[in-house]
Amino acid sequence: MSPVVILRLRNMTALDATGLHAMQDFADAIHASGRVVLLCGAPPQPARLMAKAEFHLHIGAENILSNMEAALAWAVELRRAIA
């Protein structure tokens, strides 16, 4: 099982409270299993809602990245730190 899960959000045009709650539950479950969740490429509306809801408290601000390339590079660093 991979220690890092990447959610690519570039096609998520909108996010509501129900979706945000589901993402929080998912992130908490992944964290509880000893893995790390990375989010990348969130468009403006979902990014604003996640910031307002302090989503970073569920996964860590360092695990919210601007694009897939940054997420992959961070995943490599995390795997090195775990190994």
PDB file of N, CA and C in Angstrom:
ATOM      1  N   MET A   1       0.850  -1.173   0.000  1.00  0.00           N
ATOM      2  CA  MET A   1       0.000   0.000   0.000  1.00  0.00           C
ATOM      3  C   MET A   1       0.896   1.237   0.000  1.00  0.00           C
ATOM      4  N   SER A   2       0.579   2.182  -0.868  1.00  0.00           N
ATOM      5  CA  SER A   2       1.363   3.405  -0.964  1.00  0.00           C
ATOM      6  C   SER A   2       1.127   4.291   0.259  1.00  0.00           C
ATOM      7  N   PRO A   3       2.194   4.902   0.776  1.00  0.00           N
ATOM      8  CA  PRO A   3       2.029   5.775   1.934  1.00  0.00           C
ATOM      9  C   PRO A   3       1.487   7.164   1.577  1.00  0.00           C
ATOM     10  N   VAL A   4       1.353   7.442   0.273  1.00  0.00           N
ATOM     11  CA  VAL A   4       0.901   8.754  -0.175  1.00  0.00           C
ATOM     12  C   VAL A   4      -0.265   8.590  -1.137  1.00  0.00           C
ATOM     13  N   VAL A   5      -1.334   9.346  -0.908  1.00  0.00           N
ATOM     14  CA  VAL A   5      -2.505   9.367  -1.785  1.00  0.00           C
ATOM     15  C   VAL A   5      -2.621  10.782  -2.337  1.00  0.00           C
ATOM     16  N   ILE A   6      -2.659  10.910  -3.664  1.00  0.00           N
ATOM     17  CA  ILE A   6      -2.781  12.222  -4.304  1.00  0.00           C
ATOM     18  C   ILE A   6      -4.174  12.364  -4.894  1.00  0.00           C
ATOM     19  N   LEU A   7      -4.856  13.462  -4.518  1.00  0.00           N
ATOM     20  CA  LEU A   7      -6.147  13.800  -5.118  1.00  0.00           C
ATOM     21  C   LEU A   7      -5.924  14.976  -6.051  1.00  0.00           C
ATOM     22  N   ARG A   8      -6.136  14.727  -7.328  1.00  0.00           N
ATOM     23  CA  ARG A   8      -5.980  15.764  -8.343  1.00  0.00           C
ATOM     24  C   ARG A   8      -7.335  16.435  -8.543  1.00  0.00           C
ATOM     25  N   LEU A   9      -7.432  17.701  -8.198  1.00  0.00           N
ATOM     26  CA  LEU A   9      -8.717  18.388  -8.157  1.00  0.00           C
ATOM     27  C   LEU A   9      -8.937  19.345  -9.326  1.00  0.00           C
ATOM     28  N   ARG A  10      -8.123  19.305 -10.338  1.00  0.00           N
ATOM     29  CA  ARG A  10      -8.195  20.302 -11.408  1.00  0.00           C
ATOM     30  C   ARG A  10      -9.538  20.343 -12.122  1.00  0.00           C
ATOM     31  N   ASN A  11     -10.286  19.251 -12.138  1.00  0.00           N
ATOM     32  CA  ASN A  11     -11.589  19.232 -12.805  1.00  0.00           C
ATOM     33  C   ASN A  11     -12.758  19.425 -11.844  1.00  0.00           C
ATOM     34  N   MET A  12     -12.477  19.714 -10.596  1.00  0.00           N
ATOM     35  CA  MET A  12     -13.537  19.951  -9.604  1.00  0.00           C
ATOM     36  C   MET A  12     -13.954  21.415  -9.725  1.00  0.00           C
ATOM     37  N   THR A  13     -15.043  21.665 -10.438  1.00  0.00           N
ATOM     38  CA  THR A  13     -15.448  23.049 -10.693  1.00  0.00           C
ATOM     39  C   THR A  13     -16.109  23.698  -9.489  1.00  0.00           C
ATOM     40  N   ALA A  14     -16.734  22.913  -8.628  1.00  0.00           N
ATOM     41  CA  ALA A  14     -17.408  23.465  -7.457  1.00  0.00           C
ATOM     42  C   ALA A  14     -17.400  22.436  -6.333  1.00  0.00           C
ATOM     43  N   LEU A  15     -17.495  22.950  -5.126  1.00  0.00           N
ATOM     44  CA  LEU A  15     -17.529  22.100  -3.941  1.00  0.00           C
ATOM     45  C   LEU A  15     -18.549  22.702  -2.981  1.00  0.00           C
ATOM     46  N   ASP A  16     -19.404  21.846  -2.427  1.00  0.00           N
ATOM     47  CA  ASP A  16     -20.379  22.324  -1.437  1.00  0.00           C
ATOM     48  C   ASP A  16     -20.041  21.720  -0.079  1.00  0.00           C
ATOM     49  N   ALA A  17     -20.851  22.034   0.912  1.00  0.00           N
ATOM     50  CA  ALA A  17     -20.574  21.577   2.271  1.00  0.00           C
ATOM     51  C   ALA A  17     -20.576  20.060   2.384  1.00  0.00           C
ATOM     52  N   THR A  18     -21.481  19.397   1.663  1.00  0.00           N
ATOM     53  CA  THR A  18     -21.534  17.932   1.713  1.00  0.00           C
ATOM     54  C   THR A  18     -20.264  17.324   1.135  1.00  0.00           C
ATOM     55  N   GLY A  19     -19.822  17.851   0.000  1.00  0.00           N
ATOM     56  CA  GLY A  19     -18.589  17.360  -0.614  1.00  0.00           C
ATOM     57  C   GLY A  19     -17.382  17.628   0.257  1.00  0.00           C
ATOM     58  N   LEU A  20     -17.358  18.792   0.869  1.00  0.00           N
ATOM     59  CA  LEU A  20     -16.256  19.135   1.756  1.00  0.00           C
ATOM     60  C   LEU A  20     -16.206  18.181   2.946  1.00  0.00           C
ATOM     61  N   HIS A  21     -17.368  17.888   3.514  1.00  0.00           N
ATOM     62  CA  HIS A  21     -17.425  16.957   4.640  1.00  0.00           C
ATOM     63  C   HIS A  21     -16.927  15.565   4.220  1.00  0.00           C
ATOM     64  N   ALA A  22     -17.317  15.122   3.033  1.00  0.00           N
ATOM     65  CA  ALA A  22     -16.850  13.820   2.532  1.00  0.00           C
ATOM     66  C   ALA A  22     -15.333  13.818   2.353  1.00  0.00           C
ATOM     67  N   MET A  23     -14.792  14.924   1.838  1.00  0.00           N
ATOM     68  CA  MET A  23     -13.337  15.011   1.673  1.00  0.00           C
ATOM     69  C   MET A  23     -12.630  15.005   3.029  1.00  0.00           C
ATOM     70  N   GLN A  24     -13.205  15.678   4.019  1.00  0.00           N
ATOM     71  CA  GLN A  24     -12.615  15.677   5.358  1.00  0.00           C
ATOM     72  C   GLN A  24     -12.624  14.275   5.962  1.00  0.00           C
ATOM     73  N   ASP A  25     -13.741  13.572   5.818  1.00  0.00           N
ATOM     74  CA  ASP A  25     -13.820  12.200   6.324  1.00  0.00           C
ATOM     75  C   ASP A  25     -12.806  11.306   5.632  1.00  0.00           C
ATOM     76  N   PHE A  26     -12.687  11.457   4.310  1.00  0.00           N
ATOM     77  CA  PHE A  26     -11.723  10.673   3.533  1.00  0.00           C
ATOM     78  C   PHE A  26     -10.298  10.964   4.012  1.00  0.00           C
ATOM     79  N   ALA A  27      -9.966  12.248   4.143  1.00  0.00           N
ATOM     80  CA  ALA A  27      -8.622  12.630   4.572  1.00  0.00           C
ATOM     81  C   ALA A  27      -8.324  12.095   5.968  1.00  0.00           C
ATOM     82  N   ASP A  28      -9.295  12.172   6.861  1.00  0.00           N
ATOM     83  CA  ASP A  28      -9.105  11.662   8.218  1.00  0.00           C
ATOM     84  C   ASP A  28      -8.901  10.145   8.221  1.00  0.00           C
ATOM     85  N   ALA A  29      -9.642   9.430   7.379  1.00  0.00           N
ATOM     86  CA  ALA A  29      -9.497   7.971   7.290  1.00  0.00           C
ATOM     87  C   ALA A  29      -8.129   7.589   6.728  1.00  0.00           C
ATOM     88  N   ILE A  30      -7.672   8.306   5.715  1.00  0.00           N
ATOM     89  CA  ILE A  30      -6.347   8.031   5.146  1.00  0.00           C
ATOM     90  C   ILE A  30      -5.274   8.305   6.200  1.00  0.00           C
ATOM     91  N   HIS A  31      -5.399   9.410   6.905  1.00  0.00           N
ATOM     92  CA  HIS A  31      -4.441   9.753   7.959  1.00  0.00           C
ATOM     93  C   HIS A  31      -4.437   8.687   9.054  1.00  0.00           C
ATOM     94  N   ALA A  32      -5.612   8.212   9.437  1.00  0.00           N
ATOM     95  CA  ALA A  32      -5.721   7.187  10.479  1.00  0.00           C
ATOM     96  C   ALA A  32      -5.054   5.882  10.054  1.00  0.00           C
ATOM     97  N   SER A  33      -4.958   5.653   8.748  1.00  0.00           N
ATOM     98  CA  SER A  33      -4.321   4.424   8.255  1.00  0.00           C
ATOM     99  C   SER A  33      -2.803   4.579   8.137  1.00  0.00           C
ATOM    100  N   GLY A  34      -2.299   5.744   8.537  1.00  0.00           N
ATOM    101  CA  GLY A  34      -0.858   5.951   8.504  1.00  0.00           C
ATOM    102  C   GLY A  34      -0.336   6.511   7.199  1.00  0.00           C
ATOM    103  N   ARG A  35      -1.224   6.928   6.332  1.00  0.00           N
ATOM    104  CA  ARG A  35      -0.819   7.476   5.034  1.00  0.00           C
ATOM    105  C   ARG A  35      -1.033   8.994   5.012  1.00  0.00           C
ATOM    106  N   VAL A  36      -0.546   9.603   3.952  1.00  0.00           N
ATOM    107  CA  VAL A  36      -0.630  11.053   3.775  1.00  0.00           C
ATOM    108  C   VAL A  36      -1.477  11.350   2.546  1.00  0.00           C
ATOM    109  N   VAL A  37      -2.338  12.365   2.648  1.00  0.00           N
ATOM    110  CA  VAL A  37      -3.137  12.823   1.512  1.00  0.00           C
ATOM    111  C   VAL A  37      -2.536  14.117   0.987  1.00  0.00           C
ATOM    112  N   LEU A  38      -2.330  14.171  -0.324  1.00  0.00           N
ATOM    113  CA  LEU A  38      -1.916  15.395  -0.987  1.00  0.00           C
ATOM    114  C   LEU A  38      -3.052  15.847  -1.893  1.00  0.00           C
ATOM    115  N   LEU A  39      -3.349  17.136  -1.877  1.00  0.00           N
ATOM    116  CA  LEU A  39      -4.333  17.719  -2.797  1.00  0.00           C
ATOM    117  C   LEU A  39      -3.579  18.613  -3.756  1.00  0.00           C
ATOM    118  N   CYS A  40      -3.970  18.556  -5.023  1.00  0.00           N
ATOM    119  CA  CYS A  40      -3.306  19.435  -5.974  1.00  0.00           C
ATOM    120  C   CYS A  40      -4.281  19.966  -7.012  1.00  0.00           C
ATOM    121  N   GLY A  41      -3.985  21.176  -7.479  1.00  0.00           N
ATOM    122  CA  GLY A  41      -4.687  21.769  -8.593  1.00  0.00           C
ATOM    123  C   GLY A  41      -6.122  22.190  -8.347  1.00  0.00           C
ATOM    124  N   ALA A  42      -6.484  22.532  -7.135  1.00  0.00           N
ATOM    125  CA  ALA A  42      -7.864  22.935  -6.857  1.00  0.00           C
ATOM    126  C   ALA A  42      -8.172  24.271  -7.533  1.00  0.00           C
ATOM    127  N   PRO A  43      -9.255  24.333  -8.314  1.00  0.00           N
ATOM    128  CA  PRO A  43      -9.683  25.611  -8.897  1.00  0.00           C
ATOM    129  C   PRO A  43     -10.115  26.598  -7.803  1.00  0.00           C
ATOM    130  N   PRO A  44     -10.339  27.866  -8.162  1.00  0.00           N
ATOM    131  CA  PRO A  44     -10.609  28.900  -7.147  1.00  0.00           C
ATOM    132  C   PRO A  44     -11.772  28.620  -6.192  1.00  0.00           C
ATOM    133  N   GLN A  45     -12.934  28.216  -6.672  1.00  0.00           N
ATOM    134  CA  GLN A  45     -14.077  28.037  -5.762  1.00  0.00           C
ATOM    135  C   GLN A  45     -13.826  26.943  -4.733  1.00  0.00           C
ATOM    136  N   PRO A  46     -13.419  25.734  -5.139  1.00  0.00           N
ATOM    137  CA  PRO A  46     -13.127  24.721  -4.114  1.00  0.00           C
ATOM    138  C   PRO A  46     -11.992  25.141  -3.179  1.00  0.00           C
ATOM    139  N   ALA A  47     -10.977  25.796  -3.716  1.00  0.00           N
ATOM    140  CA  ALA A  47      -9.846  26.228  -2.885  1.00  0.00           C
ATOM    141  C   ALA A  47     -10.306  27.229  -1.828  1.00  0.00           C
ATOM    142  N   ARG A  48     -11.170  28.165  -2.205  1.00  0.00           N
ATOM    143  CA  ARG A  48     -11.675  29.147  -1.234  1.00  0.00           C
ATOM    144  C   ARG A  48     -12.484  28.469  -0.133  1.00  0.00           C
ATOM    145  N   LEU A  49     -13.363  27.536  -0.526  1.00  0.00           N
ATOM    146  CA  LEU A  49     -14.186  26.847   0.475  1.00  0.00           C
ATOM    147  C   LEU A  49     -13.322  26.018   1.415  1.00  0.00           C
ATOM    148  N   MET A  50     -12.339  25.316   0.866  1.00  0.00           N
ATOM    149  CA  MET A  50     -11.452  24.527   1.717  1.00  0.00           C
ATOM    150  C   MET A  50     -10.650  25.421   2.662  1.00  0.00           C
ATOM    151  N   ALA A  51     -10.208  26.571   2.185  1.00  0.00           N
ATOM    152  CA  ALA A  51      -9.464  27.499   3.044  1.00  0.00           C
ATOM    153  C   ALA A  51     -10.367  28.039   4.157  1.00  0.00           C
ATOM    154  N   LYS A  52     -11.593  28.429   3.784  1.00  0.00           N
ATOM    155  CA  LYS A  52     -12.536  28.960   4.773  1.00  0.00           C
ATOM    156  C   LYS A  52     -12.858  27.922   5.852  1.00  0.00           C
ATOM    157  N   ALA A  53     -12.948  26.660   5.456  1.00  0.00           N
ATOM    158  CA  ALA A  53     -13.263  25.572   6.387  1.00  0.00           C
ATOM    159  C   ALA A  53     -12.023  25.028   7.101  1.00  0.00           C
ATOM    160  N   GLU A  54     -10.867  25.631   6.836  1.00  0.00           N
ATOM    161  CA  GLU A  54      -9.598  25.206   7.432  1.00  0.00           C
ATOM    162  C   GLU A  54      -9.298  23.730   7.153  1.00  0.00           C
ATOM    163  N   PHE A  55      -9.498  23.339   5.906  1.00  0.00           N
ATOM    164  CA  PHE A  55      -9.242  21.958   5.500  1.00  0.00           C
ATOM    165  C   PHE A  55      -7.791  21.552   5.754  1.00  0.00           C
ATOM    166  N   HIS A  56      -6.889  22.524   5.707  1.00  0.00           N
ATOM    167  CA  HIS A  56      -5.471  22.217   5.933  1.00  0.00           C
ATOM    168  C   HIS A  56      -5.232  21.570   7.299  1.00  0.00           C
ATOM    169  N   LEU A  57      -6.136  21.775   8.243  1.00  0.00           N
ATOM    170  CA  LEU A  57      -5.968  21.137   9.556  1.00  0.00           C
ATOM    171  C   LEU A  57      -6.134  19.620   9.468  1.00  0.00           C
ATOM    172  N   HIS A  58      -6.779  19.132   8.414  1.00  0.00           N
ATOM    173  CA  HIS A  58      -6.970  17.685   8.227  1.00  0.00           C
ATOM    174  C   HIS A  58      -5.775  17.026   7.546  1.00  0.00           C
ATOM    175  N   ILE A  59      -5.062  17.775   6.700  1.00  0.00           N
ATOM    176  CA  ILE A  59      -3.979  17.140   5.948  1.00  0.00           C
ATOM    177  C   ILE A  59      -2.637  17.857   6.071  1.00  0.00           C
ATOM    178  N   GLY A  60      -2.632  19.050   6.620  1.00  0.00           N
ATOM    179  CA  GLY A  60      -1.405  19.839   6.712  1.00  0.00           C
ATOM    180  C   GLY A  60      -1.286  20.781   5.524  1.00  0.00           C
ATOM    181  N   ALA A  61      -0.999  22.031   5.779  1.00  0.00           N
ATOM    182  CA  ALA A  61      -0.894  23.035   4.718  1.00  0.00           C
ATOM    183  C   ALA A  61       0.162  22.665   3.685  1.00  0.00           C
ATOM    184  N   GLU A  62       1.217  22.001   4.115  1.00  0.00           N
ATOM    185  CA  GLU A  62       2.289  21.601   3.195  1.00  0.00           C
ATOM    186  C   GLU A  62       1.834  20.550   2.191  1.00  0.00           C
ATOM    187  N   ASN A  63       0.683  19.936   2.441  1.00  0.00           N
ATOM    188  CA  ASN A  63       0.172  18.877   1.560  1.00  0.00           C
ATOM    189  C   ASN A  63      -0.900  19.365   0.597  1.00  0.00           C
ATOM    190  N   ILE A  64      -1.059  20.685   0.500  1.00  0.00           N
ATOM    191  CA  ILE A  64      -1.941  21.286  -0.489  1.00  0.00           C
ATOM    192  C   ILE A  64      -1.048  21.980  -1.499  1.00  0.00           C
ATOM    193  N   LEU A  65      -1.049  21.454  -2.721  1.00  0.00           N
ATOM    194  CA  LEU A  65      -0.097  21.907  -3.728  1.00  0.00           C
ATOM    195  C   LEU A  65      -0.805  22.461  -4.959  1.00  0.00           C
ATOM    196  N   SER A  66      -0.099  23.274  -5.708  1.00  0.00           N
ATOM    197  CA  SER A  66      -0.711  23.985  -6.823  1.00  0.00           C
ATOM    198  C   SER A  66      -0.943  23.124  -8.058  1.00  0.00           C
ATOM    199  N   ASN A  67      -0.126  22.104  -8.266  1.00  0.00           N
ATOM    200  CA  ASN A  67      -0.268  21.294  -9.475  1.00  0.00           C
ATOM    201  C   ASN A  67       0.269  19.879  -9.248  1.00  0.00           C
ATOM    202  N   MET A  68       0.043  19.036 -10.229  1.00  0.00           N
ATOM    203  CA  MET A  68       0.420  17.624 -10.116  1.00  0.00           C
ATOM    204  C   MET A  68       1.940  17.448 -10.021  1.00  0.00           C
ATOM    205  N   GLU A  69       2.688  18.242 -10.760  1.00  0.00           N
ATOM    206  CA  GLU A  69       4.147  18.131 -10.722  1.00  0.00           C
ATOM    207  C   GLU A  69       4.674  18.398  -9.311  1.00  0.00           C
ATOM    208  N   ALA A  70       4.132  19.430  -8.679  1.00  0.00           N
ATOM    209  CA  ALA A  70       4.542  19.750  -7.303  1.00  0.00           C
ATOM    210  C   ALA A  70       4.139  18.626  -6.346  1.00  0.00           C
ATOM    211  N   ALA A  71       2.950  18.060  -6.558  1.00  0.00           N
ATOM    212  CA  ALA A  71       2.487  16.966  -5.698  1.00  0.00           C
ATOM    213  C   ALA A  71       3.371  15.736  -5.852  1.00  0.00           C
ATOM    214  N   LEU A  72       3.740  15.413  -7.073  1.00  0.00           N
ATOM    215  CA  LEU A  72       4.609  14.250  -7.288  1.00  0.00           C
ATOM    216  C   LEU A  72       5.986  14.466  -6.659  1.00  0.00           C
ATOM    217  N   ALA A  73       6.524  15.664  -6.801  1.00  0.00           N
ATOM    218  CA  ALA A  73       7.829  15.958  -6.197  1.00  0.00           C
ATOM    219  C   ALA A  73       7.744  15.853  -4.673  1.00  0.00           C
ATOM    220  N   TRP A  74       6.670  16.361  -4.082  1.00  0.00           N
ATOM    221  CA  TRP A  74       6.498  16.285  -2.628  1.00  0.00           C
ATOM    222  C   TRP A  74       6.301  14.838  -2.190  1.00  0.00           C
ATOM    223  N   ALA A  75       5.572  14.054  -2.985  1.00  0.00           N
ATOM    224  CA  ALA A  75       5.368  12.635  -2.666  1.00  0.00           C
ATOM    225  C   ALA A  75       6.700  11.893  -2.630  1.00  0.00           C
ATOM    226  N   VAL A  76       7.583  12.207  -3.553  1.00  0.00           N
ATOM    227  CA  VAL A  76       8.916  11.587  -3.560  1.00  0.00           C
ATOM    228  C   VAL A  76       9.658  11.932  -2.268  1.00  0.00           C
ATOM    229  N   GLU A  77       9.592  13.202  -1.862  1.00  0.00           N
ATOM    230  CA  GLU A  77      10.262  13.615  -0.620  1.00  0.00           C
ATOM    231  C   GLU A  77       9.659  12.897   0.593  1.00  0.00           C
ATOM    232  N   LEU A  78       8.334  12.794   0.630  1.00  0.00           N
ATOM    233  CA  LEU A  78       7.688  12.104   1.751  1.00  0.00           C
ATOM    234  C   LEU A  78       8.080  10.637   1.799  1.00  0.00           C
ATOM    235  N   ARG A  79       8.138   9.981   0.655  1.00  0.00           N
ATOM    236  CA  ARG A  79       8.537   8.566   0.623  1.00  0.00           C
ATOM    237  C   ARG A  79       9.969   8.394   1.113  1.00  0.00           C
ATOM    238  N   ARG A  80      10.839   9.325   0.741  1.00  0.00           N
ATOM    239  CA  ARG A  80      12.235   9.262   1.223  1.00  0.00           C
ATOM    240  C   ARG A  80      12.275   9.406   2.746  1.00  0.00           C
ATOM    241  N   ALA A  81      11.458  10.290   3.277  1.00  0.00           N
ATOM    242  CA  ALA A  81      11.443  10.526   4.724  1.00  0.00           C
ATOM    243  C   ALA A  81      10.904   9.307   5.475  1.00  0.00           C
ATOM    244  N   ILE A  82       9.963   8.593   4.849  1.00  0.00           N
ATOM    245  CA  ILE A  82       9.355   7.419   5.480  1.00  0.00           C
ATOM    246  C   ILE A  82      10.302   6.229   5.433  1.00  0.00           C
ATOM    247  N   ALA A  83      11.034   6.105   4.332  1.00  0.00           N
ATOM    248  CA  ALA A  83      11.892   4.921   4.122  1.00  0.00           C
ATOM    249  C   ALA A  83      13.094   4.890   4.993  1.00  0.00           C
TER     250      ALA A  83
END
